Amino acid sequence: MAVQEARQCGASPDGGGCPHCEGSGHRRAVAAFLARREELATGHGVPAALAHSPIASRQWVSDELAQSARTVTARGREAGAARLGRVRRGTLAVVWGAVLALLLGQALTGLGTGWTGTRTAALATATLLAAVLTAVARLHSARGGVLAPLVGEDQRFSTSRTVAAAWLLLCVFAVLLLSLRLAGGAPAVDLALGRGAGLLAVFALVSVVTVVSRLIVSLRVAARRLQKVRGDRPRPADLLCDDDGRASLTDVQYVLVSGAVLVLAAVRLGRTPDRLPELPWALVVLVAVSAAGYLAGKCVEGGRPKVFSVVRAREAGDLDAPIRIGDDIEIRGTGFVPAGAAAPDPLTRLVVRFGPVHAHAPLIPVPGGFANPTDTALTVPVPADVEPGRTEVWVVTAAGVETNRVTIDVVD
């Protein structure tokens, strides 16, 4: 499997190429880890005193990579504060840039018709919203500013929260615009419920989806039917992808459908600023169907890890034999490496229990990643403290979820 830090940081083995933490210890730690992993994967760098023992050398390699992975994680946390500061400043620049773009657009479109009270109300509304968002950014400066409410408990951007926040901004903008129009004495402002019923229904729908999706995830995690591993930092790709970075159809369709209807509502508000944007009920039903698909995806994603079988690992030329102390066993199953846990540091937290004895699954490097552990199989030696006889074996994943137990026979 690919090394997560390399994909996230973009560092190359020679120490360059990290756009997020240039000149920081994180970039150097990632480059050092990649170089060390490639060196050990080719069989170099192992002490001569351990080279004669495959088990001892493999354990030493695993410990070396685990220590390097912890260093990468620690350096990443140190670089997180500076990154959040850049995110806060960047989002505020986008917010006030949007206000400036609105001003320029209104100035250009008003050359022929002249400046109107509607343009003044729209500009004042945008300025007021930008000021509120700036205040929110200051209150949450340590968590990324304006984007802090969009980040879930797993340190990733929440798709449902982002969609609900977008509709919230549109609704607040529309209400403030109509309020300023009324304060300016506009005679044709229409606040009839019938015109805004569609907008109200969509906003209520996406708000309910936000609450229900969080409830579904919380209940499934508590029931150990879903494994959640905390991410290192939020990324825009989180809105369209699962925790492993793969595109999620349910998330993509929910964002696209909601975004398309949102754009239509904004266009209607721009064309008729004297009343709430009227959304056809067919589009409301479309958003409801999209939301139902999104929630259905939340109900079926992930799953509990399971052990299917435990067998003795046999190397080339080795004789068939029962499991003995010190032998490698291969545990076959599914869900050993949950989504978001493919980085080296979470892999080091994978544990195999032999009754009361805990054994960490060794990291076995290969060029470009790791051969062990994987999501469907992992290899671990039987510890010397395991008593001969029947012993229960099970796996504890990086998310803290235990698998079912399988009994094996260990002979002298």
Protein backbone atom coordinates (compact mmCIF):
# COMPACT_ATOMS: atom_id res chain seq x y z
CA MET A 1 0.00 0.00 0.00
CA ALA A 2 1.13 3.52 -0.67
CA VAL A 3 2.66 5.66 2.04
CA GLN A 4 0.04 8.16 3.13
CA GLU A 5 2.46 10.82 4.26
CA ALA A 6 4.09 10.90 0.83
CA ARG A 7 0.78 11.45 -0.90
CA GLN A 8 -0.36 14.07 1.60
CA CYS A 9 2.89 16.00 1.82
CA GLY A 10 4.22 15.54 -1.69
CA ALA A 11 7.79 15.19 -0.48
CA SER A 12 10.33 13.32 -2.57
CA PRO A 13 13.07 11.06 -1.25
CA ASP A 14 15.65 13.79 -1.84
CA GLY A 15 13.84 16.07 0.63
CA GLY A 16 11.94 18.48 -1.58
CA GLY A 17 8.51 19.05 -3.02
CA CYS A 18 6.33 19.69 0.04
CA PRO A 19 4.05 22.65 -0.80
CA HIS A 20 2.49 22.84 2.71
CA CYS A 21 5.49 22.79 5.00
CA GLU A 22 8.43 24.00 2.94
CA GLY A 23 11.49 24.50 5.11
CA SER A 24 9.89 22.80 8.12
CA GLY A 25 10.80 19.73 10.12
CA HIS A 26 7.79 17.89 8.70
CA ARG A 27 9.18 17.95 5.16
CA ARG A 28 12.54 16.70 6.32
CA ALA A 29 10.92 13.98 8.48
CA VAL A 30 8.83 12.72 5.53
CA ALA A 31 11.85 12.68 3.24
CA ALA A 32 13.90 10.82 5.86
CA PHE A 33 11.14 8.24 6.35
CA LEU A 34 10.80 7.60 2.61
CA ALA A 35 14.54 7.23 2.19
CA ARG A 36 14.80 4.91 5.19
CA ARG A 37 11.90 2.76 4.04
CA GLU A 38 13.34 2.35 0.55
CA GLU A 39 16.74 1.47 2.02
CA LEU A 40 15.33 -1.19 4.33
CA ALA A 41 13.03 -2.54 1.62
CA THR A 42 16.07 -3.42 -0.49
CA GLY A 43 17.75 -5.19 2.44
CA HIS A 44 20.32 -2.51 3.23
CA GLY A 45 20.90 -0.83 6.57
CA VAL A 46 20.23 -3.87 8.78
CA PRO A 47 22.94 -4.40 11.45
CA ALA A 48 25.27 -7.28 10.68
CA ALA A 49 24.61 -8.80 14.12
CA LEU A 50 20.95 -9.30 13.17
CA ALA A 51 21.36 -10.32 9.54
CA HIS A 52 21.63 -14.04 10.42
CA SER A 53 18.19 -14.06 12.08
CA PRO A 54 15.24 -13.27 9.77
CA ILE A 55 12.86 -12.81 12.72
CA ALA A 56 15.23 -10.49 14.63
CA SER A 57 16.08 -8.43 11.56
CA ARG A 58 12.42 -8.09 10.61
CA GLN A 59 11.53 -6.92 14.12
CA TRP A 60 14.40 -4.44 14.07
CA VAL A 61 13.27 -3.07 10.69
CA SER A 62 9.71 -2.75 11.95
CA ASP A 63 10.83 -0.88 15.09
CA GLU A 64 13.01 1.47 13.03
CA LEU A 65 10.15 2.34 10.68
CA ALA A 66 7.70 2.71 13.57
CA GLN A 67 9.98 5.22 15.29
CA SER A 68 10.45 7.14 12.05
CA ALA A 69 6.68 7.15 11.46
CA ARG A 70 6.09 8.61 14.93
CA THR A 71 8.61 11.34 14.16
CA VAL A 72 6.73 12.20 10.96
CA THR A 73 3.45 12.39 12.90
CA ALA A 74 4.98 14.62 15.59
CA ARG A 75 6.47 16.98 13.01
CA GLY A 76 3.12 17.09 11.24
CA ARG A 77 1.39 18.23 14.42
CA GLU A 78 3.98 20.96 14.87
CA ALA A 79 3.38 22.19 11.31
CA GLY A 80 -0.40 22.11 11.81
CA ALA A 81 -0.64 25.43 13.64
CA ALA A 82 1.16 27.33 10.88
CA ARG A 83 -0.99 25.61 8.26
CA LEU A 84 -4.21 26.57 10.04
CA GLY A 85 -3.03 30.17 10.15
CA ARG A 86 -2.56 30.18 6.39
CA VAL A 87 -5.98 28.61 5.90
CA ARG A 88 -7.64 31.28 8.07
CA ARG A 89 -5.97 34.11 6.17
CA GLY A 90 -6.73 32.51 2.82
CA THR A 91 -10.43 32.02 3.53
CA LEU A 92 -10.79 35.62 4.73
CA ALA A 93 -9.09 36.78 1.55
CA VAL A 94 -11.62 34.77 -0.47
CA VAL A 95 -14.55 36.22 1.52
CA TRP A 96 -13.50 39.83 1.09
CA GLY A 97 -12.42 39.15 -2.48
CA ALA A 98 -15.99 38.02 -3.19
CA VAL A 99 -17.29 41.31 -1.78
CA LEU A 100 -14.87 43.24 -4.01
CA ALA A 101 -15.90 41.15 -7.03
CA LEU A 102 -19.56 41.94 -6.30
CA LEU A 103 -18.74 45.64 -6.12
CA LEU A 104 -16.87 45.56 -9.42
CA GLY A 105 -19.61 43.52 -11.09
CA GLN A 106 -22.30 45.91 -9.95
CA ALA A 107 -20.26 48.92 -11.03
CA LEU A 108 -19.74 47.46 -14.51
CA THR A 109 -23.36 46.36 -15.00
CA GLY A 110 -24.65 49.67 -13.67
CA LEU A 111 -22.86 51.84 -16.23
CA GLY A 112 -25.89 51.95 -18.51
CA THR A 113 -28.76 51.82 -16.02
CA GLY A 114 -27.22 53.70 -13.13
CA TRP A 115 -26.82 52.81 -9.47
CA THR A 116 -29.97 51.58 -7.73
CA GLY A 117 -31.11 50.90 -4.21
CA THR A 118 -31.06 47.16 -4.91
CA ARG A 119 -27.36 47.32 -5.71
CA THR A 120 -26.71 49.22 -2.50
CA ALA A 121 -28.68 46.69 -0.45
CA ALA A 122 -26.86 43.74 -2.06
CA LEU A 123 -23.44 45.30 -1.43
CA ALA A 124 -24.35 46.17 2.16
CA THR A 125 -25.62 42.62 2.75
CA ALA A 126 -22.42 41.10 1.37
CA THR A 127 -20.30 43.42 3.52
CA LEU A 128 -22.31 42.57 6.64
CA LEU A 129 -21.98 38.83 6.00
CA ALA A 130 -18.24 39.19 5.39
CA ALA A 131 -17.89 41.04 8.69
CA VAL A 132 -19.77 38.27 10.53
CA LEU A 133 -17.59 35.59 8.91
CA THR A 134 -14.49 37.57 9.87
CA ALA A 135 -15.63 37.62 13.49
CA VAL A 136 -16.26 33.85 13.34
CA ALA A 137 -12.78 33.38 11.92
CA ARG A 138 -11.24 35.29 14.82
CA LEU A 139 -13.15 33.23 17.36
CA HIS A 140 -11.93 30.01 15.73
CA SER A 141 -8.49 31.19 14.67
CA ALA A 142 -6.84 28.14 16.25
CA ARG A 143 -9.02 25.77 14.21
CA GLY A 144 -8.82 27.27 10.75
CA GLY A 145 -11.11 30.29 10.97
CA VAL A 146 -14.27 30.32 8.87
CA LEU A 147 -13.90 26.67 7.89
CA ALA A 148 -13.78 25.42 11.50
CA PRO A 149 -17.55 24.66 11.74
CA LEU A 150 -17.25 22.48 8.61
CA VAL A 151 -14.70 20.12 10.18
CA GLY A 152 -16.05 16.95 11.76
CA GLU A 153 -14.86 15.11 14.84
CA ASP A 154 -12.54 12.99 12.68
CA GLN A 155 -10.58 16.09 11.59
CA ARG A 156 -11.98 15.98 8.04
CA PHE A 157 -14.32 18.27 6.15
CA SER A 158 -17.92 17.12 6.55
CA THR A 159 -19.92 16.93 3.33
CA SER A 160 -23.28 17.36 5.06
CA ARG A 161 -22.08 20.34 7.12
CA THR A 162 -20.63 22.05 4.06
CA VAL A 163 -23.82 21.65 2.03
CA ALA A 164 -25.94 22.90 4.94
CA ALA A 165 -23.59 25.87 5.46
CA ALA A 166 -23.88 26.85 1.79
CA TRP A 167 -27.67 26.87 1.96
CA LEU A 168 -27.52 28.75 5.26
CA LEU A 169 -25.43 31.51 3.67
CA LEU A 170 -27.88 31.82 0.78
CA CYS A 171 -30.90 31.99 3.10
CA VAL A 172 -29.27 34.56 5.39
CA PHE A 173 -28.17 36.63 2.41
CA ALA A 174 -31.70 36.57 0.97
CA VAL A 175 -33.34 37.57 4.28
CA LEU A 176 -30.84 40.36 4.96
CA LEU A 177 -31.22 41.65 1.41
CA LEU A 178 -34.99 41.83 1.73
CA SER A 179 -34.65 43.44 5.17
CA LEU A 180 -32.40 46.19 3.82
CA ARG A 181 -34.74 46.67 0.87
CA LEU A 182 -37.63 47.16 3.30
CA ALA A 183 -35.55 49.53 5.42
CA GLY A 184 -34.80 51.54 2.28
CA GLY A 185 -38.49 51.98 1.56
CA ALA A 186 -38.81 49.59 -1.37
CA PRO A 187 -42.56 49.16 -2.03
CA ALA A 188 -42.51 45.84 -3.91
CA VAL A 189 -40.84 43.52 -1.42
CA ASP A 190 -42.73 40.20 -1.30
CA LEU A 191 -42.27 37.99 1.79
CA ALA A 192 -45.08 35.54 1.02
CA LEU A 193 -44.51 32.05 2.38
CA GLY A 194 -45.77 30.45 -0.79
CA ARG A 195 -42.86 31.80 -2.81
CA GLY A 196 -40.20 30.77 -0.29
CA ALA A 197 -41.67 27.40 0.67
CA GLY A 198 -39.31 25.50 -1.63
CA LEU A 199 -36.25 27.30 -0.26
CA LEU A 200 -37.41 26.66 3.30
CA ALA A 201 -38.02 22.97 2.55
CA VAL A 202 -34.55 22.47 1.04
CA PHE A 203 -32.81 24.25 3.93
CA ALA A 204 -34.75 22.18 6.48
CA LEU A 205 -33.91 19.03 4.54
CA VAL A 206 -30.13 19.61 4.38
CA SER A 207 -30.12 20.61 8.06
CA VAL A 208 -31.85 17.37 9.04
CA VAL A 209 -29.40 15.41 6.88
CA THR A 210 -26.50 16.98 8.80
CA VAL A 211 -27.92 15.91 12.17
CA VAL A 212 -29.01 12.44 11.03
CA SER A 213 -25.72 11.65 9.31
CA ARG A 214 -23.79 12.53 12.45
CA LEU A 215 -26.16 10.38 14.52
CA ILE A 216 -25.75 7.44 12.14
CA VAL A 217 -21.96 7.63 12.26
CA SER A 218 -21.91 7.99 16.05
CA LEU A 219 -24.21 5.02 16.61
CA ARG A 220 -22.34 2.79 14.18
CA VAL A 221 -18.99 3.68 15.72
CA ALA A 222 -20.35 3.00 19.22
CA ALA A 223 -21.71 -0.36 18.01
CA ARG A 224 -18.30 -1.15 16.43
CA ARG A 225 -19.89 -1.50 13.02
CA LEU A 226 -17.88 1.39 11.60
CA GLN A 227 -14.20 2.16 12.09
CA LYS A 228 -13.19 5.82 12.17
CA VAL A 229 -9.56 6.90 12.28
CA ARG A 230 -8.78 10.56 12.93
CA GLY A 231 -7.27 12.35 9.94
CA ASP A 232 -4.17 14.50 10.21
CA ARG A 233 -5.84 17.60 8.69
CA PRO A 234 -8.91 18.61 6.63
CA ARG A 235 -8.66 18.63 2.83
CA PRO A 236 -11.09 19.84 0.15
CA ALA A 237 -11.11 16.30 -1.27
CA ASP A 238 -12.89 15.15 1.91
CA LEU A 239 -16.12 16.58 0.50
CA LEU A 240 -16.13 14.10 -2.39
CA CYS A 241 -14.07 11.18 -1.06
CA ASP A 242 -14.19 8.63 1.71
CA ASP A 243 -11.66 8.45 4.54
CA ASP A 244 -9.24 6.56 2.28
CA GLY A 245 -9.22 9.30 -0.36
CA ARG A 246 -11.30 7.35 -2.91
CA ALA A 247 -14.15 9.14 -4.68
CA SER A 248 -17.51 8.37 -3.06
CA LEU A 249 -20.50 8.27 -5.41
CA THR A 250 -23.00 9.13 -2.67
CA ASP A 251 -20.99 12.17 -1.57
CA VAL A 252 -20.36 13.33 -5.14
CA GLN A 253 -24.01 13.16 -6.19
CA TYR A 254 -25.15 14.93 -3.00
CA VAL A 255 -22.70 17.80 -3.54
CA LEU A 256 -23.46 18.11 -7.27
CA VAL A 257 -27.25 18.03 -6.92
CA SER A 258 -27.29 20.40 -3.95
CA GLY A 259 -24.80 22.73 -5.62
CA ALA A 260 -26.77 22.85 -8.87
CA VAL A 261 -30.03 23.68 -7.10
CA LEU A 262 -28.19 26.24 -4.95
CA VAL A 263 -26.87 27.99 -8.06
CA LEU A 264 -30.39 28.12 -9.51
CA ALA A 265 -31.72 29.64 -6.28
CA ALA A 266 -28.93 32.25 -6.28
CA VAL A 267 -29.64 33.16 -9.92
CA ARG A 268 -33.34 33.60 -9.18
CA LEU A 269 -32.52 35.78 -6.19
CA GLY A 270 -30.28 37.92 -8.39
CA ARG A 271 -32.97 38.32 -11.06
CA THR A 272 -35.79 39.03 -8.58
CA PRO A 273 -34.19 40.60 -5.47
CA ASP A 274 -37.56 41.80 -4.15
CA ARG A 275 -38.71 38.34 -3.04
CA LEU A 276 -37.36 35.05 -1.83
CA PRO A 277 -36.17 32.76 -4.63
CA GLU A 278 -38.92 30.40 -5.70
CA LEU A 279 -37.78 26.80 -6.13
CA PRO A 280 -39.96 24.34 -8.10
CA TRP A 281 -41.09 21.41 -5.99
CA ALA A 282 -39.59 19.05 -8.54
CA LEU A 283 -36.14 20.35 -7.55
CA VAL A 284 -37.00 19.99 -3.87
CA VAL A 285 -37.87 16.34 -4.50
CA LEU A 286 -34.60 15.94 -6.42
CA VAL A 287 -32.62 17.21 -3.43
CA ALA A 288 -34.62 14.91 -1.15
CA VAL A 289 -33.79 11.87 -3.30
CA SER A 290 -30.11 12.88 -3.35
CA ALA A 291 -30.11 13.31 0.44
CA ALA A 292 -31.72 9.89 0.89
CA GLY A 293 -28.95 8.33 -1.20
CA TYR A 294 -26.33 10.14 0.87
CA LEU A 295 -27.81 8.87 4.15
CA ALA A 296 -28.12 5.36 2.73
CA GLY A 297 -24.42 5.44 1.94
CA LYS A 298 -23.69 6.43 5.54
CA CYS A 299 -25.69 3.44 6.76
CA VAL A 300 -23.74 0.86 4.73
CA GLU A 301 -20.19 2.22 4.58
CA GLY A 302 -17.39 0.47 6.40
CA GLY A 303 -18.02 -2.61 8.49
CA ARG A 304 -16.71 -4.56 11.44
CA PRO A 305 -13.34 -6.29 10.97
CA LYS A 306 -13.47 -10.08 10.87
CA VAL A 307 -10.99 -12.93 11.08
CA PHE A 308 -11.84 -15.75 8.68
CA SER A 309 -8.96 -18.14 9.38
CA VAL A 310 -5.50 -18.46 10.91
CA VAL A 311 -2.87 -20.60 9.18
CA ARG A 312 0.83 -21.26 9.60
CA ALA A 313 2.88 -19.15 7.19
CA ARG A 314 5.10 -21.41 5.10
CA GLU A 315 8.23 -20.14 3.38
CA ALA A 316 9.75 -21.66 0.26
CA GLY A 317 11.46 -24.94 1.11
CA ASP A 318 9.86 -25.17 4.54
CA LEU A 319 8.12 -28.38 5.58
CA ASP A 320 4.46 -28.56 6.48
CA ALA A 321 4.08 -28.66 10.25
CA PRO A 322 1.79 -27.57 13.10
CA ILE A 323 2.07 -24.12 14.65
CA ARG A 324 4.91 -23.81 17.15
CA ILE A 325 6.28 -20.98 19.29
CA GLY A 326 8.16 -18.55 17.07
CA ASP A 327 6.44 -19.64 13.84
CA ASP A 328 4.85 -17.02 11.63
CA ILE A 329 1.08 -17.25 11.29
CA GLU A 330 -1.02 -15.61 8.61
CA ILE A 331 -4.34 -14.17 9.74
CA ARG A 332 -6.82 -13.88 6.89
CA GLY A 333 -9.93 -11.75 7.09
CA THR A 334 -11.15 -8.28 6.26
CA GLY A 335 -11.15 -4.78 7.73
CA PHE A 336 -7.76 -5.00 9.45
CA VAL A 337 -6.70 -1.62 7.98
CA PRO A 338 -9.76 0.67 8.08
CA ALA A 339 -10.18 3.64 5.79
CA GLY A 340 -7.76 6.39 6.70
CA ALA A 341 -5.38 4.04 8.58
CA ALA A 342 -3.00 3.18 5.72
CA ALA A 343 -0.35 5.64 6.92
CA PRO A 344 2.68 4.13 8.71
CA ASP A 345 1.83 5.52 12.16
CA PRO A 346 -1.68 3.94 12.33
CA LEU A 347 -0.24 0.69 10.97
CA THR A 348 2.09 0.49 13.96
CA ARG A 349 -0.97 0.39 16.26
CA LEU A 350 -2.30 -2.86 14.78
CA VAL A 351 -2.15 -5.56 17.48
CA VAL A 352 -2.72 -9.32 17.44
CA ARG A 353 -3.77 -10.88 20.75
CA PHE A 354 -2.87 -14.44 21.69
CA GLY A 355 -5.03 -14.70 24.78
CA PRO A 356 -3.34 -12.42 27.35
CA VAL A 357 -0.27 -11.86 25.13
CA HIS A 358 -0.18 -8.80 22.85
CA ALA A 359 1.90 -8.84 19.66
CA HIS A 360 2.27 -5.86 17.32
CA ALA A 361 2.07 -6.71 13.64
CA PRO A 362 5.51 -6.00 12.14
CA LEU A 363 5.91 -3.49 9.32
CA ILE A 364 7.44 -5.25 6.32
CA PRO A 365 8.62 -2.65 3.80
CA VAL A 366 8.66 -3.13 0.04
CA PRO A 367 9.55 -0.53 -2.61
CA GLY A 368 6.70 1.99 -2.57
CA GLY A 369 4.89 0.81 0.55
CA PHE A 370 4.40 -2.13 2.92
CA ALA A 371 3.70 -5.81 2.36
CA ASN A 372 2.47 -6.31 5.92
CA PRO A 373 0.01 -5.60 7.40
CA THR A 374 -2.75 -5.34 4.78
CA ASP A 375 -6.50 -5.01 4.98
CA THR A 376 -7.17 -8.69 4.29
CA ALA A 377 -4.12 -10.46 5.73
CA LEU A 378 -1.36 -9.93 8.24
CA THR A 379 1.61 -12.00 9.33
CA VAL A 380 2.90 -12.11 12.89
CA PRO A 381 5.18 -14.51 14.80
CA VAL A 382 3.79 -16.49 17.71
CA PRO A 383 5.29 -14.86 20.84
CA ALA A 384 7.45 -16.92 23.19
CA ASP A 385 5.09 -16.16 26.10
CA VAL A 386 2.21 -18.05 24.48
CA GLU A 387 1.52 -21.29 26.31
CA PRO A 388 1.30 -24.48 24.22
CA GLY A 389 -2.21 -25.74 23.71
CA ARG A 390 -5.41 -24.15 22.44
CA THR A 391 -5.16 -20.37 22.23
CA GLU A 392 -7.62 -17.75 21.05
CA VAL A 393 -6.35 -15.28 18.46
CA TRP A 394 -7.95 -11.98 17.47
CA VAL A 395 -6.96 -8.62 16.01
CA VAL A 396 -7.27 -5.09 17.43
CA THR A 397 -7.25 -2.49 14.66
CA ALA A 398 -5.90 1.06 14.75
CA ALA A 399 -9.46 2.28 15.39
CA GLY A 400 -9.58 0.20 18.60
CA VAL A 401 -12.11 -2.31 17.27
CA GLU A 402 -11.63 -6.01 18.08
CA THR A 403 -12.39 -8.80 15.64
CA ASN A 404 -13.98 -12.14 16.39
CA ARG A 405 -11.83 -14.79 18.03
CA VAL A 406 -10.38 -17.86 16.33
CA THR A 407 -8.89 -20.78 18.27
CA ILE A 408 -5.58 -22.28 17.18
CA ASP A 409 -3.46 -25.18 18.50
CA VAL A 410 0.12 -24.37 19.48
CA VAL A 411 2.41 -27.37 20.02
CA ASP A 412 5.80 -27.64 21.72
